Each structure stands twice: as C-alpha cells, then as structure tokens.
PDB file of all heavy atoms in Angstrom:
ATOM      1  N   GLU A   1       0.816  -1.209   0.000  1.00  0.00           N
ATOM      2  CA  GLU A   1       0.000   0.000   0.000  1.00  0.00           C
ATOM      3  C   GLU A   1       0.855   1.266   0.000  1.00  0.00           C
ATOM      4  O   GLU A   1       0.383   2.336  -0.324  1.00  0.00           O
ATOM      5  CB  GLU A   1      -0.904   0.020   1.240  1.00  0.00           C
ATOM      6  CG  GLU A   1      -1.941  -1.078   1.261  1.00  0.00           C
ATOM      7  CD  GLU A   1      -2.932  -0.875   2.397  1.00  0.00           C
ATOM      8  OE1 GLU A   1      -3.749   0.057   2.297  1.00  0.00           O
ATOM      9  OE2 GLU A   1      -2.881  -1.632   3.369  1.00  0.00           O
ATOM     10  N   VAL A   2       2.111   1.123   0.413  1.00  0.00           N
ATOM     11  CA  VAL A   2       2.961   2.287   0.610  1.00  0.00           C
ATOM     12  C   VAL A   2       4.209   2.184  -0.257  1.00  0.00           C
ATOM     13  O   VAL A   2       4.799   1.123  -0.379  1.00  0.00           O
ATOM     14  CB  VAL A   2       3.392   2.412   2.089  1.00  0.00           C
ATOM     15  CG1 VAL A   2       4.236   3.649   2.297  1.00  0.00           C
ATOM     16  CG2 VAL A   2       2.178   2.450   2.993  1.00  0.00           C
ATOM     17  N   THR A   3       4.591   3.290  -0.850  1.00  0.00           N
ATOM     18  CA  THR A   3       5.846   3.354  -1.588  1.00  0.00           C
ATOM     19  C   THR A   3       6.777   4.318  -0.887  1.00  0.00           C
ATOM     20  O   THR A   3       6.336   5.204  -0.156  1.00  0.00           O
ATOM     21  CB  THR A   3       5.616   3.847  -3.034  1.00  0.00           C
ATOM     22  OG1 THR A   3       4.959   5.117  -2.987  1.00  0.00           O
ATOM     23  CG2 THR A   3       4.763   2.863  -3.805  1.00  0.00           C
ATOM     24  N   SER A   4       8.072   4.153  -1.085  1.00  0.00           N
ATOM     25  CA  SER A   4       9.049   5.031  -0.441  1.00  0.00           C
ATOM     26  C   SER A   4       9.570   6.062  -1.435  1.00  0.00           C
ATOM     27  O   SER A   4       9.243   6.020  -2.623  1.00  0.00           O
ATOM     28  CB  SER A   4      10.211   4.195   0.112  1.00  0.00           C
ATOM     29  OG  SER A   4      10.822   3.477  -0.938  1.00  0.00           O
ATOM     30  N   ALA A   5      10.399   6.967  -0.935  1.00  0.00           N
ATOM     31  CA  ALA A   5      10.966   8.016  -1.782  1.00  0.00           C
ATOM     32  C   ALA A   5      11.715   7.396  -2.960  1.00  0.00           C
ATOM     33  O   ALA A   5      12.506   6.474  -2.786  1.00  0.00           O
ATOM     34  CB  ALA A   5      11.916   8.885  -0.966  1.00  0.00           C
ATOM     35  N   GLY A   6      11.459   7.916  -4.153  1.00  0.00           N
ATOM     36  CA  GLY A   6      12.168   7.455  -5.333  1.00  0.00           C
ATOM     37  C   GLY A   6      11.793   6.068  -5.806  1.00  0.00           C
ATOM     38  O   GLY A   6      12.493   5.468  -6.618  1.00  0.00           O
ATOM     39  N   SER A   7      10.661   5.543  -5.309  1.00  0.00           N
ATOM     40  CA  SER A   7      10.288   4.164  -5.658  1.00  0.00           C
ATOM     41  C   SER A   7       9.970   4.006  -7.151  1.00  0.00           C
ATOM     42  O   SER A   7       9.929   2.890  -7.660  1.00  0.00           O
ATOM     43  CB  SER A   7       9.091   3.711  -4.820  1.00  0.00           C
ATOM     44  OG  SER A   7       7.989   4.560  -5.028  1.00  0.00           O
ATOM     45  N   GLN A   8       9.755   5.138  -7.853  1.00  0.00           N
ATOM     46  CA  GLN A   8       9.498   5.037  -9.289  1.00  0.00           C
ATOM     47  C   GLN A   8      10.722   4.523 -10.037  1.00  0.00           C
ATOM     48  O   GLN A   8      10.623   4.121 -11.195  1.00  0.00           O
ATOM     49  CB  GLN A   8       9.045   6.383  -9.866  1.00  0.00           C
ATOM     50  CG  GLN A   8      10.103   7.471  -9.857  1.00  0.00           C
ATOM     51  CD  GLN A   8      10.043   8.345  -8.618  1.00  0.00           C
ATOM     52  OE1 GLN A   8       9.765   7.879  -7.530  1.00  0.00           O
ATOM     53  NE2 GLN A   8      10.309   9.629  -8.788  1.00  0.00           N
ATOM     54  N   TYR A   9      11.896   4.526  -9.361  1.00  0.00           N
ATOM     55  CA  TYR A   9      13.115   4.045  -9.997  1.00  0.00           C
ATOM     56  C   TYR A   9      13.527   2.664  -9.493  1.00  0.00           C
ATOM     57  O   TYR A   9      14.622   2.203  -9.765  1.00  0.00           O
ATOM     58  CB  TYR A   9      14.255   5.041  -9.771  1.00  0.00           C
ATOM     59  CG  TYR A   9      13.946   6.399 -10.341  1.00  0.00           C
ATOM     60  CD1 TYR A   9      13.864   7.531  -9.531  1.00  0.00           C
ATOM     61  CD2 TYR A   9      13.709   6.558 -11.701  1.00  0.00           C
ATOM     62  CE1 TYR A   9      13.552   8.776 -10.064  1.00  0.00           C
ATOM     63  CE2 TYR A   9      13.394   7.796 -12.240  1.00  0.00           C
ATOM     64  CZ  TYR A   9      13.321   8.893 -11.411  1.00  0.00           C
ATOM     65  OH  TYR A   9      13.010  10.124 -11.948  1.00  0.00           O
ATOM     66  N   ALA A  10      12.631   2.013  -8.745  1.00  0.00           N
ATOM     67  CA  ALA A  10      12.941   0.694  -8.187  1.00  0.00           C
ATOM     68  C   ALA A  10      13.317  -0.291  -9.284  1.00  0.00           C
ATOM     69  O   ALA A  10      12.661  -0.381 -10.319  1.00  0.00           O
ATOM     70  CB  ALA A  10      11.738   0.176  -7.399  1.00  0.00           C
ATOM     71  N   GLY A  11      14.422  -0.998  -9.048  1.00  0.00           N
ATOM     72  CA  GLY A  11      14.854  -2.044  -9.966  1.00  0.00           C
ATOM     73  C   GLY A  11      15.568  -1.559 -11.213  1.00  0.00           C
ATOM     74  O   GLY A  11      15.888  -2.368 -12.089  1.00  0.00           O
ATOM     75  N   LYS A  12      15.843  -0.263 -11.289  1.00  0.00           N
ATOM     76  CA  LYS A  12      16.457   0.280 -12.516  1.00  0.00           C
ATOM     77  C   LYS A  12      17.953   0.018 -12.595  1.00  0.00           C
ATOM     78  O   LYS A  12      18.553   0.123 -13.665  1.00  0.00           O
ATOM     79  CB  LYS A  12      16.199   1.791 -12.601  1.00  0.00           C
ATOM     80  CG  LYS A  12      14.732   2.168 -12.733  1.00  0.00           C
ATOM     81  CD  LYS A  12      14.143   1.691 -14.035  1.00  0.00           C
ATOM     82  CE  LYS A  12      12.721   2.190 -14.224  1.00  0.00           C
ATOM     83  NZ  LYS A  12      12.119   1.724 -15.475  1.00  0.00           N
ATOM     84  N   GLY A  13      18.595  -0.265 -11.483  1.00  0.00           N
ATOM     85  CA  GLY A  13      20.021  -0.581 -11.511  1.00  0.00           C
ATOM     86  C   GLY A  13      20.907   0.604 -11.152  1.00  0.00           C
ATOM     87  O   GLY A  13      20.459   1.747 -11.032  1.00  0.00           O
ATOM     88  N   MET A  14      22.196   0.298 -10.993  1.00  0.00           N
ATOM     89  CA  MET A  14      23.171   1.275 -10.498  1.00  0.00           C
ATOM     90  C   MET A  14      23.380   2.459 -11.446  1.00  0.00           C
ATOM     91  O   MET A  14      23.848   3.509 -11.020  1.00  0.00           O
ATOM     92  CB  MET A  14      24.519   0.580 -10.241  1.00  0.00           C
ATOM     93  CG  MET A  14      24.419  -0.566  -9.235  1.00  0.00           C
ATOM     94  SD  MET A  14      23.693  -0.053  -7.656  1.00  0.00           S
ATOM     95  CE  MET A  14      25.115   0.650  -6.870  1.00  0.00           C
ATOM     96  N   SER A  15      23.038   2.308 -12.702  1.00  0.00           N
ATOM     97  CA  SER A  15      23.205   3.426 -13.642  1.00  0.00           C
ATOM     98  C   SER A  15      22.282   4.596 -13.294  1.00  0.00           C
ATOM     99  O   SER A  15      22.468   5.702 -13.795  1.00  0.00           O
ATOM    100  CB  SER A  15      22.926   2.958 -15.074  1.00  0.00           C
ATOM    101  OG  SER A  15      21.569   2.561 -15.223  1.00  0.00           O
ATOM    102  N   TYR A  16      21.300   4.347 -12.421  1.00  0.00           N
ATOM    103  CA  TYR A  16      20.362   5.392 -12.017  1.00  0.00           C
ATOM    104  C   TYR A  16      20.814   6.148 -10.764  1.00  0.00           C
ATOM    105  O   TYR A  16      20.079   6.997 -10.266  1.00  0.00           O
ATOM    106  CB  TYR A  16      18.970   4.797 -11.796  1.00  0.00           C
ATOM    107  CG  TYR A  16      18.130   4.754 -13.047  1.00  0.00           C
ATOM    108  CD1 TYR A  16      18.480   3.918 -14.105  1.00  0.00           C
ATOM    109  CD2 TYR A  16      17.008   5.555 -13.198  1.00  0.00           C
ATOM    110  CE1 TYR A  16      17.729   3.871 -15.266  1.00  0.00           C
ATOM    111  CE2 TYR A  16      16.249   5.519 -14.361  1.00  0.00           C
ATOM    112  CZ  TYR A  16      16.606   4.673 -15.386  1.00  0.00           C
ATOM    113  OH  TYR A  16      15.866   4.630 -16.529  1.00  0.00           O
ATOM    114  N   ILE A  17      22.025   5.868 -10.254  1.00  0.00           N
ATOM    115  CA  ILE A  17      22.511   6.574  -9.058  1.00  0.00           C
ATOM    116  C   ILE A  17      22.560   8.092  -9.276  1.00  0.00           C
ATOM    117  O   ILE A  17      22.126   8.849  -8.407  1.00  0.00           O
ATOM    118  CB  ILE A  17      23.883   6.016  -8.610  1.00  0.00           C
ATOM    119  CG1 ILE A  17      23.672   4.625  -7.987  1.00  0.00           C
ATOM    120  CG2 ILE A  17      24.562   6.952  -7.614  1.00  0.00           C
ATOM    121  CD1 ILE A  17      24.943   3.931  -7.564  1.00  0.00           C
ATOM    122  N   PRO A  18      23.060   8.598 -10.435  1.00  0.00           N
ATOM    123  CA  PRO A  18      23.024  10.058 -10.639  1.00  0.00           C
ATOM    124  C   PRO A  18      21.595  10.616 -10.603  1.00  0.00           C
ATOM    125  O   PRO A  18      21.366  11.717 -10.095  1.00  0.00           O
ATOM    126  CB  PRO A  18      23.648  10.239 -12.030  1.00  0.00           C
ATOM    127  CG  PRO A  18      24.505   9.037 -12.215  1.00  0.00           C
ATOM    128  CD  PRO A  18      23.770   7.919 -11.528  1.00  0.00           C
ATOM    129  N   VAL A  19      20.635   9.855 -11.105  1.00  0.00           N
ATOM    130  CA  VAL A  19      19.231  10.267 -11.067  1.00  0.00           C
ATOM    131  C   VAL A  19      18.757  10.340  -9.616  1.00  0.00           C
ATOM    132  O   VAL A  19      18.044  11.274  -9.221  1.00  0.00           O
ATOM    133  CB  VAL A  19      18.342   9.289 -11.873  1.00  0.00           C
ATOM    134  CG1 VAL A  19      16.878   9.669 -11.757  1.00  0.00           C
ATOM    135  CG2 VAL A  19      18.772   9.257 -13.329  1.00  0.00           C
ATOM    136  N   ALA A  20      19.189   9.360  -8.811  1.00  0.00           N
ATOM    137  CA  ALA A  20      18.821   9.339  -7.389  1.00  0.00           C
ATOM    138  C   ALA A  20      19.358  10.574  -6.672  1.00  0.00           C
ATOM    139  O   ALA A  20      18.675  11.152  -5.809  1.00  0.00           O
ATOM    140  CB  ALA A  20      19.355   8.073  -6.726  1.00  0.00           C
ATOM    141  N   PHE A  21      20.561  11.003  -7.021  1.00  0.00           N
ATOM    142  CA  PHE A  21      21.138  12.205  -6.408  1.00  0.00           C
ATOM    143  C   PHE A  21      20.328  13.452  -6.776  1.00  0.00           C
ATOM    144  O   PHE A  21      20.059  14.300  -5.917  1.00  0.00           O
ATOM    145  CB  PHE A  21      22.605  12.382  -6.835  1.00  0.00           C
ATOM    146  CG  PHE A  21      23.572  11.697  -5.920  1.00  0.00           C
ATOM    147  CD1 PHE A  21      23.953  10.386  -6.156  1.00  0.00           C
ATOM    148  CD2 PHE A  21      24.089  12.354  -4.817  1.00  0.00           C
ATOM    149  CE1 PHE A  21      24.840   9.740  -5.308  1.00  0.00           C
ATOM    150  CE2 PHE A  21      24.978  11.719  -3.961  1.00  0.00           C
ATOM    151  CZ  PHE A  21      25.353  10.404  -4.202  1.00  0.00           C
ATOM    152  N   VAL A  22      19.955  13.568  -8.022  1.00  0.00           N
ATOM    153  CA  VAL A  22      19.150  14.716  -8.455  1.00  0.00           C
ATOM    154  C   VAL A  22      17.801  14.706  -7.751  1.00  0.00           C
ATOM    155  O   VAL A  22      17.337  15.738  -7.244  1.00  0.00           O
ATOM    156  CB  VAL A  22      18.960  14.723  -9.986  1.00  0.00           C
ATOM    157  CG1 VAL A  22      17.942  15.781 -10.409  1.00  0.00           C
ATOM    158  CG2 VAL A  22      20.289  14.972 -10.686  1.00  0.00           C
ATOM    159  N   TYR A  23      17.188  13.535  -7.694  1.00  0.00           N
ATOM    160  CA  TYR A  23      15.892  13.402  -7.020  1.00  0.00           C
ATOM    161  C   TYR A  23      16.019  13.757  -5.538  1.00  0.00           C
ATOM    162  O   TYR A  23      15.210  14.525  -4.995  1.00  0.00           O
ATOM    163  CB  TYR A  23      15.373  11.967  -7.173  1.00  0.00           C
ATOM    164  CG  TYR A  23      14.119  11.714  -6.382  1.00  0.00           C
ATOM    165  CD1 TYR A  23      12.867  12.071  -6.883  1.00  0.00           C
ATOM    166  CD2 TYR A  23      14.178  11.137  -5.115  1.00  0.00           C
ATOM    167  CE1 TYR A  23      11.713  11.863  -6.141  1.00  0.00           C
ATOM    168  CE2 TYR A  23      13.033  10.925  -4.374  1.00  0.00           C
ATOM    169  CZ  TYR A  23      11.807  11.287  -4.888  1.00  0.00           C
ATOM    170  OH  TYR A  23      10.661  11.083  -4.146  1.00  0.00           O
ATOM    171  N   GLY A  24      17.045  13.207  -4.873  1.00  0.00           N
ATOM    172  CA  GLY A  24      17.194  13.401  -3.441  1.00  0.00           C
ATOM    173  C   GLY A  24      17.606  14.803  -3.030  1.00  0.00           C
ATOM    174  O   GLY A  24      17.048  15.361  -2.081  1.00  0.00           O
ATOM    175  N   PHE A  25      18.557  15.382  -3.749  1.00  0.00           N
ATOM    176  CA  PHE A  25      19.123  16.663  -3.317  1.00  0.00           C
ATOM    177  C   PHE A  25      18.454  17.884  -3.938  1.00  0.00           C
ATOM    178  O   PHE A  25      18.450  18.955  -3.332  1.00  0.00           O
ATOM    179  CB  PHE A  25      20.631  16.696  -3.607  1.00  0.00           C
ATOM    180  CG  PHE A  25      21.437  15.964  -2.584  1.00  0.00           C
ATOM    181  CD1 PHE A  25      21.782  14.637  -2.778  1.00  0.00           C
ATOM    182  CD2 PHE A  25      21.834  16.584  -1.414  1.00  0.00           C
ATOM    183  CE1 PHE A  25      22.512  13.943  -1.827  1.00  0.00           C
ATOM    184  CE2 PHE A  25      22.576  15.906  -0.454  1.00  0.00           C
ATOM    185  CZ  PHE A  25      22.916  14.577  -0.657  1.00  0.00           C
ATOM    186  N   ILE A  26      17.909  17.744  -5.138  1.00  0.00           N
ATOM    187  CA  ILE A  26      17.308  18.911  -5.803  1.00  0.00           C
ATOM    188  C   ILE A  26      15.785  18.842  -5.802  1.00  0.00           C
ATOM    189  O   ILE A  26      15.120  19.713  -5.243  1.00  0.00           O
ATOM    190  CB  ILE A  26      17.848  19.059  -7.246  1.00  0.00           C
ATOM    191  CG1 ILE A  26      19.365  19.297  -7.215  1.00  0.00           C
ATOM    192  CG2 ILE A  26      17.141  20.221  -7.962  1.00  0.00           C
ATOM    193  CD1 ILE A  26      20.022  19.357  -8.565  1.00  0.00           C
ATOM    194  N   LYS A  27      15.255  17.785  -6.403  1.00  0.00           N
ATOM    195  CA  LYS A  27      13.800  17.733  -6.594  1.00  0.00           C
ATOM    196  C   LYS A  27      13.048  17.697  -5.272  1.00  0.00           C
ATOM    197  O   LYS A  27      12.038  18.386  -5.105  1.00  0.00           O
ATOM    198  CB  LYS A  27      13.431  16.515  -7.441  1.00  0.00           C
ATOM    199  CG  LYS A  27      11.963  16.509  -7.851  1.00  0.00           C
ATOM    200  CD  LYS A  27      11.677  15.419  -8.852  1.00  0.00           C
ATOM    201  CE  LYS A  27      10.267  15.503  -9.380  1.00  0.00           C
ATOM    202  NZ  LYS A  27      10.007  14.484 -10.413  1.00  0.00           N
ATOM    203  N   THR A  28      13.510  16.889  -4.331  1.00  0.00           N
ATOM    204  CA  THR A  28      12.812  16.818  -3.037  1.00  0.00           C
ATOM    205  C   THR A  28      13.543  17.612  -1.966  1.00  0.00           C
ATOM    206  O   THR A  28      12.945  18.471  -1.315  1.00  0.00           O
ATOM    207  CB  THR A  28      12.629  15.348  -2.595  1.00  0.00           C
ATOM    208  OG1 THR A  28      13.902  14.697  -2.558  1.00  0.00           O
ATOM    209  CG2 THR A  28      11.708  14.612  -3.546  1.00  0.00           C
ATOM    210  N   GLY A  29      14.823  17.346  -1.768  1.00  0.00           N
ATOM    211  CA  GLY A  29      15.571  17.983  -0.688  1.00  0.00           C
ATOM    212  C   GLY A  29      15.552  19.499  -0.723  1.00  0.00           C
ATOM    213  O   GLY A  29      15.077  20.149   0.209  1.00  0.00           O
ATOM    214  N   LEU A  30      16.039  20.085  -1.796  1.00  0.00           N
ATOM    215  CA  LEU A  30      16.140  21.542  -1.873  1.00  0.00           C
ATOM    216  C   LEU A  30      14.782  22.213  -1.930  1.00  0.00           C
ATOM    217  O   LEU A  30      14.518  23.182  -1.203  1.00  0.00           O
ATOM    218  CB  LEU A  30      16.982  21.958  -3.083  1.00  0.00           C
ATOM    219  CG  LEU A  30      17.187  23.467  -3.273  1.00  0.00           C
ATOM    220  CD1 LEU A  30      17.823  24.099  -2.032  1.00  0.00           C
ATOM    221  CD2 LEU A  30      18.038  23.731  -4.523  1.00  0.00           C
TER     222      LEU A  30
END
C-alpha cells in the first residue's frame, strides 16, 4: 500500500545513481 521516496526508480540498476542524487538533493531535498 505504501511506496518510499524514489520508488518510481525501483529495480532500474546502479546506472540510475546520478538520477537518485538529483531526485534526493534537488527535486525533493532543496
């Protein structure tokens, strides 16, 4: 019933780490 932050990228693999940084620090964090 519940999803966590950035769950739309679940299972995408390590190539999505830069995307995770943008999501975490800019889109949501800042």
